[in-house]
Amino acid sequence: MEKYWIILILVALGCSESKEGKLQKFLAKGNMEVKNKNYDQGISYYQEAIRIDPCFTEGLNNLGTAYYKQDKYSQALKYYQDAIQCDPDFMPAFYNRANAYYALKEYFNALNDLDRIQAARPDTAIVYFTRGLVQTKLRNFDLAKAAFEKAYGLDSTNVEFLVNLANVKYYLKDYDGAKYDLGEAIKLDASEPNIYNTLSLVAIAQNETAEALAQVNKALQLAPSEPYFMNNRGYVYLVQNRLEEAVADIDNSLGVDPTNGWAYRNKGIYYLMKDDYPNAERLLVQANEMDPFIDKVHFYLGMAYYKNGKQSLACGQFRLSEEAGDGMLTAALIKMCQ
């Protein structure tokens, strides 16, 4: 259900002569190939530069980014670390390493790198934005909100900052604040589909299912193949009890991106609603293992355990649900677990 933006720093330098000239020639060629998504060729140019100078930090950093853009985060991390080892003051590699840690769900390591950058460059908007993404994953929504507000204060033309601020307000149940920010985001760029996806989430939280469907359809008109939007429409269909339309969207979403834990949660809910409790448990366990911070995943997993006669496991998940502030437990379920 979540969609965020990550920005990586690709370093480009001017040309000089001799050894430095060769390094920058390979760097420039590598950058061009990566820009054109010819990643293998770009990697080969960066590797040529590193053969000349194993501590060519710009080449190491950009080599990491070439791997990152292919979702090869562990390989990317290695080269960012090499760049930092060669030059402990090279800030682009710290920022890119923070993004790699984020992708690998090593959130506290990401925060450490962001602290390092912020200490050196305290007015860098993108650093606060990335900090907001990390704190959102950690469900530290107040800290995420403060970070996104700082980012937007430093760059009020960036629609991504504003949409992510609205996302956090949605998580904090500040629905009026979220809608206000999204209205301002439309003024900045009405073609940004994430605006309408978040408006859909706000509408569903306010039990306005027709409005939720209309808004997510706007998002899909702008980005028809976006798996997060397909999954979110599937969730709206679940709320409307349109189960076969729901599972079609959720399956299409998983076909495009099989790594989205929110889609597994939604398919687990589908099976709960179909009274297929073994499959519901299987999918909700998978969603929880992929990302335990998925909204209400503990409640739905608890329900699957409960329906499968696993009361102890169910009560454990219900406790986690309460700690997350889901507010989903009935009096009967609370009494059962006392």
Protein backbone atom coordinates (compact mmCIF):
# COMPACT_ATOMS: atom_id res chain seq x y z
CA MET A 1 0.00 0.00 0.00
CA GLU A 2 2.99 2.27 0.40
CA LYS A 3 4.85 4.03 -2.35
CA TYR A 4 7.82 6.27 -1.80
CA TRP A 5 10.49 7.87 -3.93
CA ILE A 6 14.21 7.32 -3.60
CA ILE A 7 16.74 9.67 -5.15
CA LEU A 8 20.30 8.49 -5.76
CA ILE A 9 23.30 10.70 -6.34
CA LEU A 10 25.32 9.97 -9.46
CA VAL A 11 28.54 11.95 -9.38
CA ALA A 12 29.88 13.65 -12.52
CA LEU A 13 33.19 15.49 -12.73
CA GLY A 14 34.91 17.64 -15.30
CA CYS A 15 37.83 16.42 -17.40
CA SER A 16 41.55 16.77 -16.80
CA GLU A 17 44.69 15.13 -18.23
CA SER A 18 46.72 11.96 -17.77
CA LYS A 19 45.57 9.48 -15.14
CA GLU A 20 42.83 11.80 -13.94
CA GLY A 21 41.72 12.33 -17.52
CA LYS A 22 41.37 8.59 -18.06
CA LEU A 23 39.41 8.22 -14.84
CA GLN A 24 36.97 10.92 -15.79
CA LYS A 25 36.63 9.58 -19.34
CA PHE A 26 35.52 6.20 -17.99
CA LEU A 27 33.32 7.93 -15.41
CA ALA A 28 31.57 9.99 -18.08
CA LYS A 29 31.07 6.97 -20.32
CA GLY A 30 29.73 4.93 -17.42
CA ASN A 31 27.33 7.72 -16.46
CA MET A 32 25.99 7.91 -20.01
CA GLU A 33 25.39 4.16 -20.19
CA VAL A 34 23.67 4.10 -16.80
CA LYS A 35 21.51 7.06 -17.82
CA ASN A 36 20.43 5.00 -20.85
CA LYS A 37 19.84 1.95 -18.61
CA ASN A 38 22.71 0.03 -20.21
CA TYR A 39 23.84 -1.05 -16.77
CA ASP A 40 26.29 -3.82 -17.71
CA GLN A 41 28.17 -1.52 -20.05
CA GLY A 42 28.14 1.27 -17.48
CA ILE A 43 29.50 -1.11 -14.85
CA SER A 44 32.32 -2.15 -17.17
CA TYR A 45 33.40 1.48 -17.62
CA TYR A 46 33.36 2.14 -13.87
CA GLN A 47 35.39 -1.04 -13.33
CA GLU A 48 37.97 0.17 -15.85
CA ALA A 49 38.32 3.36 -13.83
CA ILE A 50 38.71 1.42 -10.58
CA ARG A 51 41.44 -0.75 -12.15
CA ILE A 52 43.38 2.45 -12.73
CA ASP A 53 42.69 3.75 -9.22
CA PRO A 54 41.12 1.31 -6.69
CA CYS A 55 40.24 4.29 -4.49
CA PHE A 56 38.49 6.36 -7.17
CA THR A 57 35.59 7.32 -4.94
CA GLU A 58 33.35 8.75 -7.67
CA GLY A 59 33.71 5.55 -9.68
CA LEU A 60 33.02 3.35 -6.64
CA ASN A 61 29.98 5.42 -5.74
CA ASN A 62 28.55 5.32 -9.26
CA LEU A 63 29.28 1.62 -9.58
CA GLY A 64 27.18 1.12 -6.45
CA THR A 65 24.39 3.16 -8.00
CA ALA A 66 24.46 1.05 -11.19
CA TYR A 67 23.81 -2.02 -9.03
CA TYR A 68 21.21 -0.18 -6.94
CA LYS A 69 19.21 0.72 -10.03
CA GLN A 70 19.00 -3.00 -10.79
CA ASP A 71 17.69 -3.73 -7.27
CA LYS A 72 20.99 -5.40 -6.36
CA TYR A 73 21.18 -3.66 -3.03
CA SER A 74 23.78 -5.81 -1.28
CA GLN A 75 26.21 -5.34 -4.18
CA ALA A 76 25.49 -1.62 -4.22
CA LEU A 77 26.16 -1.43 -0.48
CA LYS A 78 29.62 -2.96 -0.92
CA TYR A 79 30.75 -0.27 -3.34
CA TYR A 80 29.29 2.57 -1.28
CA GLN A 81 31.21 1.21 1.70
CA ASP A 82 34.39 1.02 -0.38
CA ALA A 83 33.93 4.65 -1.42
CA ILE A 84 33.46 5.74 2.20
CA GLN A 85 36.50 3.75 3.30
CA CYS A 86 38.57 5.54 0.67
CA ASP A 87 37.16 8.96 1.57
CA PRO A 88 35.30 9.23 4.91
CA ASP A 89 34.12 12.73 3.96
CA PHE A 90 32.51 11.77 0.63
CA MET A 91 28.88 12.66 1.36
CA PRO A 92 27.24 11.26 -1.82
CA ALA A 93 28.29 7.75 -0.83
CA PHE A 94 26.87 8.21 2.67
CA TYR A 95 23.55 9.29 1.19
CA ASN A 96 23.47 6.44 -1.30
CA ARG A 97 24.47 3.95 1.37
CA ALA A 98 21.55 5.19 3.49
CA ASN A 99 19.23 4.41 0.59
CA ALA A 100 20.76 0.94 0.22
CA TYR A 101 20.28 0.29 3.93
CA TYR A 102 16.68 1.48 3.57
CA ALA A 103 16.07 -0.94 0.71
CA LEU A 104 17.61 -3.75 2.77
CA LYS A 105 15.39 -2.77 5.76
CA GLU A 106 18.42 -1.89 7.87
CA TYR A 107 16.68 1.24 9.07
CA PHE A 108 18.89 2.16 12.02
CA ASN A 109 22.01 1.95 9.86
CA ALA A 110 20.27 4.25 7.38
CA LEU A 111 19.55 6.74 10.18
CA ASN A 112 23.20 6.68 11.26
CA ASP A 113 24.31 7.65 7.76
CA LEU A 114 21.69 10.38 7.57
CA ASP A 115 22.92 11.73 10.91
CA ARG A 116 26.43 11.91 9.44
CA ILE A 117 25.25 13.88 6.42
CA GLN A 118 22.98 16.16 8.43
CA ALA A 119 25.85 17.08 10.74
CA ALA A 120 27.95 18.13 7.75
CA ARG A 121 25.17 19.66 5.64
CA PRO A 122 22.26 20.60 7.91
CA ASP A 123 20.15 22.31 5.24
CA THR A 124 19.97 19.49 2.68
CA ALA A 125 16.27 18.89 1.99
CA ILE A 126 16.65 15.41 0.52
CA VAL A 127 18.31 14.16 3.70
CA TYR A 128 15.27 15.14 5.78
CA PHE A 129 13.01 13.57 3.17
CA THR A 130 14.87 10.26 3.38
CA ARG A 131 14.84 10.45 7.17
CA GLY A 132 11.06 10.80 6.92
CA LEU A 133 10.86 7.65 4.80
CA VAL A 134 12.91 5.68 7.32
CA GLN A 135 10.91 6.91 10.31
CA THR A 136 7.70 6.05 8.48
CA LYS A 137 8.91 2.47 8.05
CA LEU A 138 9.68 2.39 11.77
CA ARG A 139 6.17 3.72 12.49
CA ASN A 140 7.68 6.74 14.23
CA PHE A 141 5.08 8.90 12.54
CA ASP A 142 5.62 12.06 14.58
CA LEU A 143 9.35 11.97 13.77
CA ALA A 144 8.55 11.25 10.12
CA LYS A 145 6.16 14.18 10.00
CA ALA A 146 8.78 16.54 11.44
CA ALA A 147 11.33 15.34 8.88
CA PHE A 148 8.98 15.78 5.92
CA GLU A 149 7.95 19.22 7.19
CA LYS A 150 11.62 20.22 7.35
CA ALA A 151 12.24 18.91 3.84
CA TYR A 152 9.22 20.76 2.47
CA GLY A 153 10.25 23.92 4.35
CA LEU A 154 13.60 23.78 2.57
CA ASP A 155 12.05 23.06 -0.84
CA SER A 156 8.38 23.99 -1.14
CA THR A 157 8.31 23.18 -4.89
CA ASN A 158 8.81 19.45 -4.38
CA VAL A 159 5.51 17.60 -4.71
CA GLU A 160 7.05 14.35 -3.44
CA PHE A 161 7.87 15.93 -0.09
CA LEU A 162 4.30 17.17 0.28
CA VAL A 163 2.66 13.87 -0.71
CA ASN A 164 4.77 11.94 1.78
CA LEU A 165 3.90 14.47 4.48
CA ALA A 166 0.23 13.80 3.66
CA ASN A 167 0.87 10.05 3.88
CA VAL A 168 2.18 10.43 7.41
CA LYS A 169 -0.77 12.58 8.41
CA TYR A 170 -2.99 9.80 7.08
CA TYR A 171 -1.19 7.32 9.36
CA LEU A 172 -1.65 9.76 12.26
CA LYS A 173 -5.38 9.91 11.40
CA ASP A 174 -5.08 13.64 10.67
CA TYR A 175 -7.29 13.26 7.63
CA ASP A 176 -8.11 16.95 7.24
CA GLY A 177 -4.42 17.80 7.34
CA ALA A 178 -3.65 15.12 4.78
CA LYS A 179 -6.36 16.36 2.43
CA TYR A 180 -5.14 19.95 2.77
CA ASP A 181 -1.58 18.94 1.86
CA LEU A 182 -2.81 16.89 -1.09
CA GLY A 183 -4.82 19.86 -2.31
CA GLU A 184 -1.64 21.93 -2.22
CA ALA A 185 0.19 19.12 -4.02
CA ILE A 186 -2.38 19.24 -6.84
CA LYS A 187 -1.54 22.93 -7.27
CA LEU A 188 2.13 21.97 -7.67
CA ASP A 189 1.60 19.05 -10.05
CA ALA A 190 -1.87 17.71 -10.76
CA SER A 191 -0.37 14.91 -12.87
CA GLU A 192 1.31 13.23 -9.89
CA PRO A 193 -0.62 9.96 -9.43
CA ASN A 194 0.46 9.38 -5.82
CA ILE A 195 -1.70 12.35 -4.82
CA TYR A 196 -4.86 10.50 -5.82
CA ASN A 197 -3.67 7.20 -4.36
CA THR A 198 -3.28 8.87 -0.96
CA LEU A 199 -6.63 10.64 -1.32
CA SER A 200 -8.09 7.16 -1.85
CA LEU A 201 -6.51 5.90 1.38
CA VAL A 202 -7.90 8.86 3.29
CA ALA A 203 -11.36 8.31 1.82
CA ILE A 204 -11.41 4.62 2.72
CA ALA A 205 -10.34 5.49 6.28
CA GLN A 206 -13.38 7.79 6.45
CA ASN A 207 -15.68 5.05 5.09
CA GLU A 208 -16.18 6.93 1.82
CA THR A 209 -15.74 3.90 -0.41
CA ALA A 210 -17.17 5.43 -3.58
CA GLU A 211 -14.79 8.39 -3.25
CA ALA A 212 -11.90 6.03 -2.50
CA LEU A 213 -12.58 4.08 -5.67
CA ALA A 214 -12.87 7.24 -7.76
CA GLN A 215 -9.54 8.58 -6.46
CA VAL A 216 -7.56 5.35 -6.93
CA ASN A 217 -8.98 5.08 -10.44
CA LYS A 218 -7.57 8.56 -11.13
CA ALA A 219 -4.18 7.31 -9.95
CA LEU A 220 -4.43 4.28 -12.24
CA GLN A 221 -5.43 6.43 -15.21
CA LEU A 222 -2.14 8.30 -14.76
CA ALA A 223 -0.07 5.16 -14.01
CA PRO A 224 -1.97 2.09 -15.27
CA SER A 225 0.73 -0.45 -14.48
CA GLU A 226 1.63 0.78 -10.99
CA PRO A 227 1.29 -2.29 -8.72
CA TYR A 228 0.76 -0.29 -5.53
CA PHE A 229 -2.27 1.43 -7.00
CA MET A 230 -3.67 -1.88 -8.28
CA ASN A 231 -3.27 -3.36 -4.82
CA ASN A 232 -4.91 -0.37 -3.18
CA ARG A 233 -7.89 -0.61 -5.52
CA GLY A 234 -8.07 -4.28 -4.61
CA TYR A 235 -8.34 -3.25 -0.96
CA VAL A 236 -11.16 -0.83 -1.77
CA TYR A 237 -12.96 -3.70 -3.51
CA LEU A 238 -12.44 -5.84 -0.40
CA VAL A 239 -14.10 -3.18 1.74
CA GLN A 240 -16.97 -3.08 -0.77
CA ASN A 241 -17.22 -6.91 -0.62
CA ARG A 242 -16.49 -7.12 -4.35
CA LEU A 243 -14.22 -10.07 -3.75
CA GLU A 244 -13.51 -11.32 -7.24
CA GLU A 245 -12.66 -7.84 -8.50
CA ALA A 246 -10.49 -7.43 -5.43
CA VAL A 247 -8.47 -10.60 -5.93
CA ALA A 248 -8.01 -9.84 -9.65
CA ASP A 249 -6.38 -6.49 -8.80
CA ILE A 250 -4.30 -7.97 -5.98
CA ASP A 251 -3.05 -10.81 -8.21
CA ASN A 252 -2.21 -8.35 -10.98
CA SER A 253 -0.29 -6.26 -8.47
CA LEU A 254 1.70 -9.29 -7.28
CA GLY A 255 2.41 -10.26 -10.88
CA VAL A 256 4.17 -6.92 -11.39
CA ASP A 257 5.80 -6.70 -7.95
CA PRO A 258 5.94 -9.93 -5.91
CA THR A 259 7.84 -8.16 -3.11
CA ASN A 260 4.99 -5.98 -1.81
CA GLY A 261 3.95 -7.26 1.60
CA TRP A 262 0.82 -5.11 1.54
CA ALA A 263 -0.51 -7.15 -1.40
CA TYR A 264 0.03 -10.40 0.52
CA ARG A 265 -1.82 -8.86 3.46
CA ASN A 266 -4.72 -7.96 1.20
CA LYS A 267 -4.85 -11.41 -0.35
CA GLY A 268 -4.83 -12.85 3.17
CA ILE A 269 -7.84 -10.65 3.99
CA TYR A 270 -9.51 -11.96 0.82
CA TYR A 271 -9.09 -15.53 2.03
CA LEU A 272 -10.40 -14.57 5.50
CA MET A 273 -13.51 -13.19 3.83
CA LYS A 274 -13.82 -16.40 1.80
CA ASP A 275 -13.53 -18.48 5.01
CA ASP A 276 -10.38 -20.14 3.64
CA TYR A 277 -8.46 -19.81 6.88
CA PRO A 278 -5.39 -21.96 6.07
CA ASN A 279 -4.58 -19.87 3.00
CA ALA A 280 -5.34 -16.70 4.94
CA GLU A 281 -2.84 -17.71 7.63
CA ARG A 282 -0.19 -18.64 5.07
CA LEU A 283 -0.38 -15.30 3.26
CA LEU A 284 -0.64 -13.18 6.38
CA VAL A 285 2.39 -14.93 7.91
CA GLN A 286 4.26 -14.11 4.69
CA ALA A 287 3.17 -10.47 4.80
CA ASN A 288 4.23 -10.17 8.45
CA GLU A 289 7.62 -11.75 7.73
CA MET A 290 8.17 -9.37 4.83
CA ASP A 291 7.29 -6.26 6.85
CA PRO A 292 5.91 -6.38 10.41
CA PHE A 293 5.03 -2.68 10.16
CA ILE A 294 2.30 -3.23 7.55
CA ASP A 295 -0.87 -1.56 8.75
CA LYS A 296 -3.15 -3.91 10.74
CA VAL A 297 -1.22 -7.02 9.65
CA HIS A 298 -1.07 -8.25 13.25
CA PHE A 299 -4.83 -8.02 13.67
CA TYR A 300 -5.58 -9.93 10.48
CA LEU A 301 -2.92 -12.54 11.22
CA GLY A 302 -4.40 -12.90 14.71
CA MET A 303 -7.80 -13.50 13.15
CA ALA A 304 -6.37 -16.17 10.86
CA TYR A 305 -4.74 -17.91 13.83
CA TYR A 306 -7.98 -17.63 15.82
CA LYS A 307 -10.04 -19.13 13.00
CA ASN A 308 -7.53 -21.97 12.72
CA GLY A 309 -7.85 -22.77 16.45
CA LYS A 310 -4.45 -21.33 17.45
CA GLN A 311 -5.57 -19.18 20.37
CA SER A 312 -2.14 -18.56 21.91
CA LEU A 313 -0.67 -17.38 18.62
CA ALA A 314 -3.78 -15.32 17.95
CA CYS A 315 -3.54 -13.51 21.28
CA GLY A 316 0.14 -12.74 20.65
CA GLN A 317 -0.75 -11.05 17.38
CA PHE A 318 -3.69 -9.22 18.96
CA ARG A 319 -1.34 -7.76 21.59
CA LEU A 320 0.95 -6.51 18.81
CA SER A 321 -2.09 -5.06 17.05
CA GLU A 322 -3.06 -3.13 20.16
CA GLU A 323 0.52 -1.89 20.62
CA ALA A 324 0.44 -0.62 17.02
CA GLY A 325 -2.74 1.33 17.78
CA ASP A 326 -4.93 -0.49 15.26
CA GLY A 327 -8.05 -0.24 17.43
CA MET A 328 -9.55 -3.32 15.75
CA LEU A 329 -10.16 -5.71 18.67
CA THR A 330 -13.68 -6.44 19.83
CA ALA A 331 -14.61 -6.85 23.48
CA ALA A 332 -15.01 -10.60 22.93
CA LEU A 333 -11.50 -10.96 21.51
CA ILE A 334 -10.01 -8.91 24.36
CA LYS A 335 -11.83 -11.09 26.92
CA MET A 336 -10.63 -14.28 25.21
CA CYS A 337 -7.01 -13.21 25.56
CA GLN A 338 -7.18 -12.14 29.20
